[in-house]
Amino acid sequence: MEKDGRKRPLEVGILVPQGEYRWNGRLPRWSDLAAMARLAEDIGLDSLWVVDHLLYRTPDGEPEGMWECWSLLSALAAVTERVTLGTLVVCTNWRNPALIAKMAETVDEICGGRLILGLGAGNTEHEFRRFGFPWERRVSRFAEALHIIHGLLRNGWIDFAGEFYTVRDCLLRPRGPRPQGPPILVGGNGQRLLRLAARYADIWNTYYDFTGNRASGVIQQIAAFHAACQDVGRDPANVELSASALVAFPGHGRIYGVVADPVRGTPEEIAEEFRAYARAGVRHLQLRIEPNTLDGLEQLGRVLEVLDRG
């Protein structure tokens, strides 16, 4: 895709560090994250993504606190001007779905129509238990929530009574900068989640622990998603494909959380791996970089320079 004179084959973003040990071993403060957002725009990054977690565990089993997703997203919307902002992904089981639509519309207004609303069912039982949210039947709850959020954003109104949620004659007003609201991203690889993504999503996402963290591993996942689209009567061409990847640069410390074999190498070698994702059909790549700091972002900037040369 040619954009602003560059020949970048796909859009590239990063996962913002939100946990106690994610700023190369320490907690990132808001001043760190604001500086990262400014640098992201300076180097030509396409997007910033926030995760929705409440309390992780380190590989040693120690608790790791996380900055809250929507609060951080709203702040990033106010201090950036160009970069796309996305959630990877909001857990619908932690907030009322009609309220999620309202929050998304408001953030999209703040950022001038730069939001991608990523939605998911949640996958970490201990977070649900510790914060008092029901863990059982979370995908069934997600299905109803997705129906409500999609209906409100696309139509501005819904009347729905389900097993888990009821919204009666619900209006979404005022509307933000886009008549049908922000695009919806759905992440997940189970059969039920694939079918829900095929039915409702504008963008489908697969995470690096499903792909082996390599472009070669995304092909099978895409085939499964395309099969789900056929099952529900959706043209796969109408859904954009996205994927996440873990990239490690020199100088990184211990890598916390979900770990795969990182992509490493020279800027040219890393850029070629990004091109392989594009050849597989991926149009947006969300990177977890290590170190997930200003230094790591500057190193990513050198990869983007190579990528933009074609």
C-alpha atoms as a PDB file:
ATOM      1  CA  MET A   1       0.000   0.000   0.000  1.00  0.00           C
ATOM      2  CA  GLU A   2       1.495   3.294  -1.084  1.00  0.00           C
ATOM      3  CA  LYS A   3       0.911   6.000   1.486  1.00  0.00           C
ATOM      4  CA  ASP A   4       2.585   9.408   1.745  1.00  0.00           C
ATOM      5  CA  GLY A   5       5.058   8.317  -0.920  1.00  0.00           C
ATOM      6  CA  ARG A   6       6.173   5.167   0.915  1.00  0.00           C
ATOM      7  CA  LYS A   7       5.819   1.599  -0.324  1.00  0.00           C
ATOM      8  CA  ARG A   8       4.898  -0.131   2.924  1.00  0.00           C
ATOM      9  CA  PRO A   9       3.155  -3.447   2.045  1.00  0.00           C
ATOM     10  CA  LEU A  10       1.030  -3.508   5.218  1.00  0.00           C
ATOM     11  CA  GLU A  11       0.259  -1.338   8.208  1.00  0.00           C
ATOM     12  CA  VAL A  12       2.475  -1.784  11.260  1.00  0.00           C
ATOM     13  CA  GLY A  13       1.633  -0.975  14.867  1.00  0.00           C
ATOM     14  CA  ILE A  14       2.842  -1.833  18.359  1.00  0.00           C
ATOM     15  CA  LEU A  15       1.265  -3.080  21.560  1.00  0.00           C
ATOM     16  CA  VAL A  16       1.677  -0.365  24.171  1.00  0.00           C
ATOM     17  CA  PRO A  17       3.404  -1.604  27.368  1.00  0.00           C
ATOM     18  CA  GLN A  18       0.876  -1.528  30.225  1.00  0.00           C
ATOM     19  CA  GLY A  19       2.218  -3.934  32.848  1.00  0.00           C
ATOM     20  CA  GLU A  20       4.449  -3.506  35.871  1.00  0.00           C
ATOM     21  CA  TYR A  21       7.487  -5.107  34.195  1.00  0.00           C
ATOM     22  CA  ARG A  22       6.865  -4.197  30.544  1.00  0.00           C
ATOM     23  CA  TRP A  23       9.101  -1.109  30.276  1.00  0.00           C
ATOM     24  CA  ASN A  24      12.193  -3.323  30.086  1.00  0.00           C
ATOM     25  CA  GLY A  25      11.672  -4.605  33.611  1.00  0.00           C
ATOM     26  CA  ARG A  26       9.849  -1.719  35.258  1.00  0.00           C
ATOM     27  CA  LEU A  27       6.421  -0.113  35.274  1.00  0.00           C
ATOM     28  CA  PRO A  28       5.801   2.404  32.475  1.00  0.00           C
ATOM     29  CA  ARG A  29       4.395   5.648  33.844  1.00  0.00           C
ATOM     30  CA  TRP A  30       1.987   7.829  31.853  1.00  0.00           C
ATOM     31  CA  SER A  31       4.857  10.182  30.960  1.00  0.00           C
ATOM     32  CA  ASP A  32       6.664   7.195  29.371  1.00  0.00           C
ATOM     33  CA  LEU A  33       3.608   6.169  27.372  1.00  0.00           C
ATOM     34  CA  ALA A  34       2.892   9.721  26.201  1.00  0.00           C
ATOM     35  CA  ALA A  35       6.505  10.002  25.005  1.00  0.00           C
ATOM     36  CA  MET A  36       6.154   6.670  23.217  1.00  0.00           C
ATOM     37  CA  ALA A  37       2.995   7.868  21.441  1.00  0.00           C
ATOM     38  CA  ARG A  38       4.756  11.017  20.233  1.00  0.00           C
ATOM     39  CA  LEU A  39       7.754   9.031  18.993  1.00  0.00           C
ATOM     40  CA  ALA A  40       5.453   6.527  17.273  1.00  0.00           C
ATOM     41  CA  GLU A  41       4.003   9.324  15.175  1.00  0.00           C
ATOM     42  CA  ASP A  42       7.454  10.780  14.486  1.00  0.00           C
ATOM     43  CA  ILE A  43       8.825   7.509  13.043  1.00  0.00           C
ATOM     44  CA  GLY A  44       5.745   6.891  10.903  1.00  0.00           C
ATOM     45  CA  LEU A  45       4.222   4.022  12.856  1.00  0.00           C
ATOM     46  CA  ASP A  46       0.692   3.235  11.700  1.00  0.00           C
ATOM     47  CA  SER A  47      -1.004   2.245  14.966  1.00  0.00           C
ATOM     48  CA  LEU A  48      -0.892   1.918  18.742  1.00  0.00           C
ATOM     49  CA  TRP A  49      -2.757  -0.935  20.458  1.00  0.00           C
ATOM     50  CA  VAL A  50      -3.782  -1.372  24.076  1.00  0.00           C
ATOM     51  CA  VAL A  51      -4.631  -4.687  25.712  1.00  0.00           C
ATOM     52  CA  ASP A  52      -7.473  -5.224  28.174  1.00  0.00           C
ATOM     53  CA  HIS A  53      -6.106  -7.050  31.194  1.00  0.00           C
ATOM     54  CA  LEU A  54      -6.478  -6.422  34.889  1.00  0.00           C
ATOM     55  CA  LEU A  55      -3.893  -8.642  36.561  1.00  0.00           C
ATOM     56  CA  TYR A  56      -1.369 -10.862  34.826  1.00  0.00           C
ATOM     57  CA  ARG A  57       0.955 -13.429  36.326  1.00  0.00           C
ATOM     58  CA  THR A  58       4.675 -13.415  35.591  1.00  0.00           C
ATOM     59  CA  PRO A  59       6.364 -16.682  34.517  1.00  0.00           C
ATOM     60  CA  ASP A  60       7.314 -17.070  38.208  1.00  0.00           C
ATOM     61  CA  GLY A  61       3.672 -16.861  39.241  1.00  0.00           C
ATOM     62  CA  GLU A  62       3.980 -13.394  40.756  1.00  0.00           C
ATOM     63  CA  PRO A  63       1.134 -10.910  40.169  1.00  0.00           C
ATOM     64  CA  GLU A  64       1.663  -8.200  37.560  1.00  0.00           C
ATOM     65  CA  GLY A  65      -0.697  -5.248  37.558  1.00  0.00           C
ATOM     66  CA  MET A  66      -1.824  -3.553  34.348  1.00  0.00           C
ATOM     67  CA  TRP A  67      -2.996  -0.032  33.537  1.00  0.00           C
ATOM     68  CA  GLU A  68      -6.697  -0.082  32.620  1.00  0.00           C
ATOM     69  CA  CYS A  69      -7.461  -0.242  28.903  1.00  0.00           C
ATOM     70  CA  TRP A  70     -10.164   2.400  28.316  1.00  0.00           C
ATOM     71  CA  SER A  71      -8.622   5.050  30.538  1.00  0.00           C
ATOM     72  CA  LEU A  72      -5.302   4.702  28.729  1.00  0.00           C
ATOM     73  CA  LEU A  73      -6.976   4.616  25.308  1.00  0.00           C
ATOM     74  CA  SER A  74      -8.810   7.880  26.011  1.00  0.00           C
ATOM     75  CA  ALA A  75      -5.571   9.576  27.039  1.00  0.00           C
ATOM     76  CA  LEU A  76      -3.757   8.353  23.913  1.00  0.00           C
ATOM     77  CA  ALA A  77      -6.642   9.625  21.782  1.00  0.00           C
ATOM     78  CA  ALA A  78      -6.146  13.095  23.216  1.00  0.00           C
ATOM     79  CA  VAL A  79      -2.338  13.299  22.792  1.00  0.00           C
ATOM     80  CA  THR A  80      -1.994  11.865  19.265  1.00  0.00           C
ATOM     81  CA  GLU A  81      -2.966  13.321  15.911  1.00  0.00           C
ATOM     82  CA  ARG A  82      -2.344  10.770  13.155  1.00  0.00           C
ATOM     83  CA  VAL A  83      -1.757   7.241  14.421  1.00  0.00           C
ATOM     84  CA  THR A  84      -4.595   4.687  14.461  1.00  0.00           C
ATOM     85  CA  LEU A  85      -5.623   3.541  17.957  1.00  0.00           C
ATOM     86  CA  GLY A  86      -6.891   0.025  18.611  1.00  0.00           C
ATOM     87  CA  THR A  87      -7.852  -2.383  21.380  1.00  0.00           C
ATOM     88  CA  LEU A  88      -6.410  -5.894  21.236  1.00  0.00           C
ATOM     89  CA  VAL A  89      -8.888  -6.726  22.597  1.00  0.00           C
ATOM     90  CA  VAL A  90     -11.596  -5.347  24.915  1.00  0.00           C
ATOM     91  CA  CYS A  91     -13.090  -8.086  27.079  1.00  0.00           C
ATOM     92  CA  THR A  92     -16.845  -7.644  26.618  1.00  0.00           C
ATOM     93  CA  ASN A  93     -17.524  -9.748  29.720  1.00  0.00           C
ATOM     94  CA  TRP A  94     -16.143  -7.005  31.974  1.00  0.00           C
ATOM     95  CA  ARG A  95     -18.430  -4.169  30.827  1.00  0.00           C
ATOM     96  CA  ASN A  96     -22.021  -3.786  29.739  1.00  0.00           C
ATOM     97  CA  PRO A  97     -22.032  -4.110  25.919  1.00  0.00           C
ATOM     98  CA  ALA A  98     -24.274  -1.089  25.288  1.00  0.00           C
ATOM     99  CA  LEU A  99     -21.912   0.959  27.428  1.00  0.00           C
ATOM    100  CA  ILE A 100     -18.938  -0.361  25.426  1.00  0.00           C
ATOM    101  CA  ALA A 101     -20.552   0.982  22.248  1.00  0.00           C
ATOM    102  CA  LYS A 102     -21.049   4.344  23.958  1.00  0.00           C
ATOM    103  CA  MET A 103     -17.431   4.420  25.138  1.00  0.00           C
ATOM    104  CA  ALA A 104     -16.131   3.491  21.705  1.00  0.00           C
ATOM    105  CA  GLU A 105     -18.155   6.226  20.021  1.00  0.00           C
ATOM    106  CA  THR A 106     -16.819   8.782  22.502  1.00  0.00           C
ATOM    107  CA  VAL A 107     -13.175   7.767  22.055  1.00  0.00           C
ATOM    108  CA  ASP A 108     -13.652   7.803  18.281  1.00  0.00           C
ATOM    109  CA  GLU A 109     -14.881  11.382  18.625  1.00  0.00           C
ATOM    110  CA  ILE A 110     -11.854  12.371  20.737  1.00  0.00           C
ATOM    111  CA  CYS A 111      -9.367  10.939  18.220  1.00  0.00           C
ATOM    112  CA  GLY A 112     -11.216  12.148  15.128  1.00  0.00           C
ATOM    113  CA  GLY A 113     -12.182   8.752  13.734  1.00  0.00           C
ATOM    114  CA  ARG A 114      -8.944   6.835  14.324  1.00  0.00           C
ATOM    115  CA  LEU A 115     -10.269   3.989  16.520  1.00  0.00           C
ATOM    116  CA  ILE A 116     -10.387   0.271  15.742  1.00  0.00           C
ATOM    117  CA  LEU A 117     -12.597  -1.480  18.309  1.00  0.00           C
ATOM    118  CA  GLY A 118     -11.137  -4.910  19.005  1.00  0.00           C
ATOM    119  CA  LEU A 119     -13.448  -7.213  20.973  1.00  0.00           C
ATOM    120  CA  GLY A 120     -12.991 -10.592  22.622  1.00  0.00           C
ATOM    121  CA  ALA A 121     -14.403 -12.947  25.245  1.00  0.00           C
ATOM    122  CA  GLY A 122     -11.398 -12.983  27.594  1.00  0.00           C
ATOM    123  CA  ASN A 123      -9.088 -15.929  28.212  1.00  0.00           C
ATOM    124  CA  THR A 124      -7.582 -15.716  31.702  1.00  0.00           C
ATOM    125  CA  GLU A 125      -9.749 -17.299  34.382  1.00  0.00           C
ATOM    126  CA  HIS A 126      -7.855 -15.894  37.363  1.00  0.00           C
ATOM    127  CA  GLU A 127      -8.617 -12.309  36.273  1.00  0.00           C
ATOM    128  CA  PHE A 128     -12.332 -13.071  36.054  1.00  0.00           C
ATOM    129  CA  ARG A 129     -12.319 -14.730  39.478  1.00  0.00           C
ATOM    130  CA  ARG A 130     -10.235 -12.079  41.257  1.00  0.00           C
ATOM    131  CA  PHE A 131     -12.326  -9.170  39.973  1.00  0.00           C
ATOM    132  CA  GLY A 132     -15.682 -10.877  40.435  1.00  0.00           C
ATOM    133  CA  PHE A 133     -16.708 -11.517  36.820  1.00  0.00           C
ATOM    134  CA  PRO A 134     -18.395 -14.807  35.823  1.00  0.00           C
ATOM    135  CA  TRP A 135     -16.017 -17.085  33.925  1.00  0.00           C
ATOM    136  CA  GLU A 136     -18.510 -19.736  32.865  1.00  0.00           C
ATOM    137  CA  ARG A 137     -20.134 -19.484  29.422  1.00  0.00           C
ATOM    138  CA  ARG A 138     -18.051 -16.461  28.512  1.00  0.00           C
ATOM    139  CA  VAL A 139     -18.225 -17.160  24.745  1.00  0.00           C
ATOM    140  CA  SER A 140     -22.032 -17.311  24.884  1.00  0.00           C
ATOM    141  CA  ARG A 141     -22.011 -14.006  26.738  1.00  0.00           C
ATOM    142  CA  PHE A 142     -19.603 -12.608  24.145  1.00  0.00           C
ATOM    143  CA  ALA A 143     -21.926 -13.617  21.311  1.00  0.00           C
ATOM    144  CA  GLU A 144     -24.778 -11.562  22.775  1.00  0.00           C
ATOM    145  CA  ALA A 145     -22.489  -8.633  23.584  1.00  0.00           C
ATOM    146  CA  LEU A 146     -21.088  -8.594  20.056  1.00  0.00           C
ATOM    147  CA  HIS A 147     -24.587  -8.572  18.591  1.00  0.00           C
ATOM    148  CA  ILE A 148     -25.532  -5.579  20.745  1.00  0.00           C
ATOM    149  CA  ILE A 149     -22.354  -3.594  20.106  1.00  0.00           C
ATOM    150  CA  HIS A 150     -22.480  -4.239  16.367  1.00  0.00           C
ATOM    151  CA  GLY A 151     -26.140  -3.249  16.180  1.00  0.00           C
ATOM    152  CA  LEU A 152     -25.653  -0.015  18.099  1.00  0.00           C
ATOM    153  CA  LEU A 153     -22.559   1.101  16.188  1.00  0.00           C
ATOM    154  CA  ARG A 154     -23.924   0.245  12.749  1.00  0.00           C
ATOM    155  CA  ASN A 155     -27.548   1.303  13.208  1.00  0.00           C
ATOM    156  CA  GLY A 156     -27.537   3.628  16.221  1.00  0.00           C
ATOM    157  CA  TRP A 157     -30.383   1.644  17.820  1.00  0.00           C
ATOM    158  CA  ILE A 158     -31.148  -1.831  19.100  1.00  0.00           C
ATOM    159  CA  ASP A 159     -33.890  -3.634  20.977  1.00  0.00           C
ATOM    160  CA  PHE A 160     -32.672  -6.977  22.272  1.00  0.00           C
ATOM    161  CA  ALA A 161     -33.550  -9.489  24.992  1.00  0.00           C
ATOM    162  CA  GLY A 162     -31.147 -12.382  25.428  1.00  0.00           C
ATOM    163  CA  GLU A 163     -30.124 -14.843  28.097  1.00  0.00           C
ATOM    164  CA  PHE A 164     -27.437 -12.570  29.520  1.00  0.00           C
ATOM    165  CA  TYR A 165     -28.207  -9.033  28.345  1.00  0.00           C
ATOM    166  CA  THR A 166     -31.350  -7.017  27.736  1.00  0.00           C
ATOM    167  CA  VAL A 167     -31.380  -3.586  26.108  1.00  0.00           C
ATOM    168  CA  ARG A 168     -34.732  -2.065  25.256  1.00  0.00           C
ATOM    169  CA  ASP A 169     -35.164   0.643  22.619  1.00  0.00           C
ATOM    170  CA  CYS A 170     -31.529   1.634  23.156  1.00  0.00           C
ATOM    171  CA  LEU A 171     -30.287   4.645  21.190  1.00  0.00           C
ATOM    172  CA  LEU A 172     -26.640   5.490  20.592  1.00  0.00           C
ATOM    173  CA  ARG A 173     -26.502   9.296  20.667  1.00  0.00           C
ATOM    174  CA  PRO A 174     -24.661  11.500  19.970  1.00  0.00           C
ATOM    175  CA  ARG A 175     -22.829   9.887  17.081  1.00  0.00           C
ATOM    176  CA  GLY A 176     -19.136  10.369  16.468  1.00  0.00           C
ATOM    177  CA  PRO A 177     -17.269  11.230  13.274  1.00  0.00           C
ATOM    178  CA  ARG A 178     -18.238   8.038  11.389  1.00  0.00           C
ATOM    179  CA  PRO A 179     -21.915   7.305  10.649  1.00  0.00           C
ATOM    180  CA  GLN A 180     -21.512   3.565  11.310  1.00  0.00           C
ATOM    181  CA  GLY A 181     -18.974   3.893  14.095  1.00  0.00           C
ATOM    182  CA  PRO A 182     -15.434   2.503  14.233  1.00  0.00           C
ATOM    183  CA  PRO A 183     -14.504  -0.764  12.518  1.00  0.00           C
ATOM    184  CA  ILE A 184     -14.846  -3.866  14.695  1.00  0.00           C
ATOM    185  CA  LEU A 185     -11.961  -6.294  15.086  1.00  0.00           C
ATOM    186  CA  VAL A 186     -12.569  -9.745  16.552  1.00  0.00           C
ATOM    187  CA  GLY A 187      -9.689 -11.862  17.765  1.00  0.00           C
ATOM    188  CA  GLY A 188      -9.757 -15.605  18.324  1.00  0.00           C
ATOM    189  CA  ASN A 189      -9.159 -18.991  16.751  1.00  0.00           C
ATOM    190  CA  GLY A 190     -11.732 -21.368  18.250  1.00  0.00           C
ATOM    191  CA  GLN A 191     -14.560 -22.473  15.986  1.00  0.00           C
ATOM    192  CA  ARG A 192     -17.254 -20.428  17.742  1.00  0.00           C
ATOM    193  CA  LEU A 193     -15.096 -17.304  17.808  1.00  0.00           C
ATOM    194  CA  LEU A 194     -14.170 -17.736  14.140  1.00  0.00           C
ATOM    195  CA  ARG A 195     -17.843 -17.900  13.185  1.00  0.00           C
ATOM    196  CA  LEU A 196     -18.656 -14.829  15.275  1.00  0.00           C
ATOM    197  CA  ALA A 197     -15.784 -12.956  13.640  1.00  0.00           C
ATOM    198  CA  ALA A 198     -16.985 -14.059  10.222  1.00  0.00           C
ATOM    199  CA  ARG A 199     -20.471 -12.758  10.988  1.00  0.00           C
ATOM    200  CA  TYR A 200     -19.697  -9.424  12.651  1.00  0.00           C
ATOM    201  CA  ALA A 201     -16.075  -8.325  12.167  1.00  0.00           C
ATOM    202  CA  ASP A 202     -14.553  -5.832   9.775  1.00  0.00           C
ATOM    203  CA  ILE A 203     -11.103  -7.109  10.790  1.00  0.00           C
ATOM    204  CA  TRP A 204     -10.067 -10.545  12.041  1.00  0.00           C
ATOM    205  CA  ASN A 205      -6.964 -11.034  14.173  1.00  0.00           C
ATOM    206  CA  THR A 206      -4.796 -14.002  15.054  1.00  0.00           C
ATOM    207  CA  TYR A 207      -2.248 -13.834  17.865  1.00  0.00           C
ATOM    208  CA  TYR A 208       1.349 -15.028  17.704  1.00  0.00           C
ATOM    209  CA  ASP A 209       0.888 -17.977  20.056  1.00  0.00           C
ATOM    210  CA  PHE A 210      -1.380 -19.517  17.383  1.00  0.00           C
ATOM    211  CA  THR A 211       0.996 -18.929  14.466  1.00  0.00           C
ATOM    212  CA  GLY A 212       4.339 -19.892  15.962  1.00  0.00           C
ATOM    213  CA  ASN A 213       5.211 -16.201  15.607  1.00  0.00           C
ATOM    214  CA  ARG A 214       6.077 -16.600  11.945  1.00  0.00           C
ATOM    215  CA  ALA A 215       4.356 -15.533   8.753  1.00  0.00           C
ATOM    216  CA  SER A 216       4.423 -19.134   7.566  1.00  0.00           C
ATOM    217  CA  GLY A 217       2.181 -20.086  10.490  1.00  0.00           C
ATOM    218  CA  VAL A 218      -0.569 -17.614   9.638  1.00  0.00           C
ATOM    219  CA  ILE A 219      -1.631 -19.359   6.430  1.00  0.00           C
ATOM    220  CA  GLN A 220      -3.432 -22.223   8.177  1.00  0.00           C
ATOM    221  CA  GLN A 221      -5.183 -19.805  10.534  1.00  0.00           C
ATOM    222  CA  ILE A 222      -6.401 -17.694   7.619  1.00  0.00           C
ATOM    223  CA  ALA A 223      -7.732 -20.800   5.879  1.00  0.00           C
ATOM    224  CA  ALA A 224      -9.757 -21.677   8.992  1.00  0.00           C
ATOM    225  CA  PHE A 225     -11.185 -18.166   9.113  1.00  0.00           C
ATOM    226  CA  HIS A 226     -12.098 -18.234   5.424  1.00  0.00           C
ATOM    227  CA  ALA A 227     -13.898 -21.542   6.001  1.00  0.00           C
ATOM    228  CA  ALA A 228     -15.885 -19.910   8.827  1.00  0.00           C
ATOM    229  CA  CYS A 229     -16.825 -17.062   6.462  1.00  0.00           C
ATOM    230  CA  GLN A 230     -18.154 -19.569   3.951  1.00  0.00           C
ATOM    231  CA  ASP A 231     -20.160 -21.282   6.705  1.00  0.00           C
ATOM    232  CA  VAL A 232     -21.996 -18.064   7.601  1.00  0.00           C
ATOM    233  CA  GLY A 233     -22.330 -16.803   4.022  1.00  0.00           C
ATOM    234  CA  ARG A 234     -19.782 -13.961   4.294  1.00  0.00           C
ATOM    235  CA  ASP A 235     -17.360 -13.082   1.511  1.00  0.00           C
ATOM    236  CA  PRO A 236     -13.867 -13.350   3.091  1.00  0.00           C
ATOM    237  CA  ALA A 237     -12.716 -10.515   0.835  1.00  0.00           C
ATOM    238  CA  ASN A 238     -14.871  -8.163   2.905  1.00  0.00           C
ATOM    239  CA  VAL A 239     -12.896  -8.820   6.102  1.00  0.00           C
ATOM    240  CA  GLU A 240      -9.408  -7.411   6.594  1.00  0.00           C
ATOM    241  CA  LEU A 241      -6.797  -9.770   8.074  1.00  0.00           C
ATOM    242  CA  SER A 242      -4.465  -8.804  10.901  1.00  0.00           C
ATOM    243  CA  ALA A 243      -1.887 -10.655  12.968  1.00  0.00           C
ATOM    244  CA  SER A 244       0.389 -10.017  15.919  1.00  0.00           C
ATOM    245  CA  ALA A 245       4.083 -10.814  16.168  1.00  0.00           C
ATOM    246  CA  LEU A 246       6.812 -10.659  18.803  1.00  0.00           C
ATOM    247  CA  VAL A 247      10.011  -8.883  17.731  1.00  0.00           C
ATOM    248  CA  ALA A 248      13.161  -8.694  19.863  1.00  0.00           C
ATOM    249  CA  PHE A 249      15.837  -6.056  19.360  1.00  0.00           C
ATOM    250  CA  PRO A 250      19.288  -5.834  20.978  1.00  0.00           C
ATOM    251  CA  GLY A 251      19.181  -4.581  24.542  1.00  0.00           C
ATOM    252  CA  HIS A 252      15.943  -6.212  25.648  1.00  0.00           C
ATOM    253  CA  GLY A 253      15.561  -7.657  29.108  1.00  0.00           C
ATOM    254  CA  ARG A 254      13.421 -10.533  30.272  1.00  0.00           C
ATOM    255  CA  ILE A 255      10.313 -11.048  28.145  1.00  0.00           C
ATOM    256  CA  TYR A 256       7.205 -11.418  30.319  1.00  0.00           C
ATOM    257  CA  GLY A 257       3.843 -12.909  29.515  1.00  0.00           C
ATOM    258  CA  VAL A 258       3.019 -15.013  26.450  1.00  0.00           C
ATOM    259  CA  VAL A 259       6.348 -15.911  24.911  1.00  0.00           C
ATOM    260  CA  ALA A 260       7.210 -17.279  21.494  1.00  0.00           C
ATOM    261  CA  ASP A 261      10.470 -17.474  19.585  1.00  0.00           C
ATOM    262  CA  PRO A 262      10.958 -13.782  18.746  1.00  0.00           C
ATOM    263  CA  VAL A 263      11.651 -12.442  15.291  1.00  0.00           C
ATOM    264  CA  ARG A 264      15.252 -11.184  15.345  1.00  0.00           C
ATOM    265  CA  GLY A 265      17.879 -10.015  12.899  1.00  0.00           C
ATOM    266  CA  THR A 266      18.995  -7.013  10.925  1.00  0.00           C
ATOM    267  CA  PRO A 267      16.454  -4.377   9.898  1.00  0.00           C
ATOM    268  CA  GLU A 268      16.484  -5.940   6.442  1.00  0.00           C
ATOM    269  CA  GLU A 269      15.786  -9.442   7.786  1.00  0.00           C
ATOM    270  CA  ILE A 270      12.951  -8.265  10.036  1.00  0.00           C
ATOM    271  CA  ALA A 271      11.443  -6.201   7.204  1.00  0.00           C
ATOM    272  CA  GLU A 272      11.463  -9.295   4.987  1.00  0.00           C
ATOM    273  CA  GLU A 273       9.504 -11.228   7.621  1.00  0.00           C
ATOM    274  CA  PHE A 274       6.947  -8.397   7.649  1.00  0.00           C
ATOM    275  CA  ARG A 275       6.713  -8.639   3.856  1.00  0.00           C
ATOM    276  CA  ALA A 276       6.024 -12.371   4.228  1.00  0.00           C
ATOM    277  CA  TYR A 277       2.995 -11.543   6.374  1.00  0.00           C
ATOM    278  CA  ALA A 278       1.782  -9.196   3.649  1.00  0.00           C
ATOM    279  CA  ARG A 279       2.218 -11.893   0.999  1.00  0.00           C
ATOM    280  CA  ALA A 280       0.122 -14.226   3.163  1.00  0.00           C
ATOM    281  CA  GLY A 281      -2.725 -11.702   3.063  1.00  0.00           C
ATOM    282  CA  VAL A 282      -2.211  -9.841   6.358  1.00  0.00           C
ATOM    283  CA  ARG A 283      -2.962  -6.131   6.029  1.00  0.00           C
ATOM    284  CA  HIS A 284      -2.222  -4.962   9.569  1.00  0.00           C
ATOM    285  CA  LEU A 285       0.566  -6.244  11.816  1.00  0.00           C
ATOM    286  CA  GLN A 286       0.496  -5.552  15.560  1.00  0.00           C
ATOM    287  CA  LEU A 287       3.942  -5.950  17.082  1.00  0.00           C
ATOM    288  CA  ARG A 288       4.984  -6.624  20.592  1.00  0.00           C
ATOM    289  CA  ILE A 289       8.480  -5.204  20.576  1.00  0.00           C
ATOM    290  CA  GLU A 290      11.170  -5.903  23.144  1.00  0.00           C
ATOM    291  CA  PRO A 291      12.477  -3.732  24.626  1.00  0.00           C
ATOM    292  CA  ASN A 292       9.057  -2.081  24.605  1.00  0.00           C
ATOM    293  CA  THR A 293      10.601   1.325  25.278  1.00  0.00           C
ATOM    294  CA  LEU A 294      11.668   4.396  23.339  1.00  0.00           C
ATOM    295  CA  ASP A 295      14.894   2.630  22.402  1.00  0.00           C
ATOM    296  CA  GLY A 296      13.009  -0.378  21.038  1.00  0.00           C
ATOM    297  CA  LEU A 297      10.689   1.927  19.110  1.00  0.00           C
ATOM    298  CA  GLU A 298      13.657   3.745  17.557  1.00  0.00           C
ATOM    299  CA  GLN A 299      15.057   0.391  16.435  1.00  0.00           C
ATOM    300  CA  LEU A 300      11.689  -0.468  14.906  1.00  0.00           C
ATOM    301  CA  GLY A 301      11.851   2.848  13.082  1.00  0.00           C
ATOM    302  CA  ARG A 302      14.929   1.608  11.215  1.00  0.00           C
ATOM    303  CA  VAL A 303      12.978  -1.482  10.125  1.00  0.00           C
ATOM    304  CA  LEU A 304      10.164   0.743   8.862  1.00  0.00           C
ATOM    305  CA  GLU A 305      12.658   2.753   6.807  1.00  0.00           C
ATOM    306  CA  VAL A 306      13.725  -0.467   5.067  1.00  0.00           C
ATOM    307  CA  LEU A 307      10.117  -1.587   4.636  1.00  0.00           C
ATOM    308  CA  ASP A 308       9.131   1.720   3.068  1.00  0.00           C
ATOM    309  CA  ARG A 309      11.799   1.454   0.385  1.00  0.00           C
ATOM    310  CA  GLY A 310       9.987  -1.550  -1.055  1.00  0.00           C
END
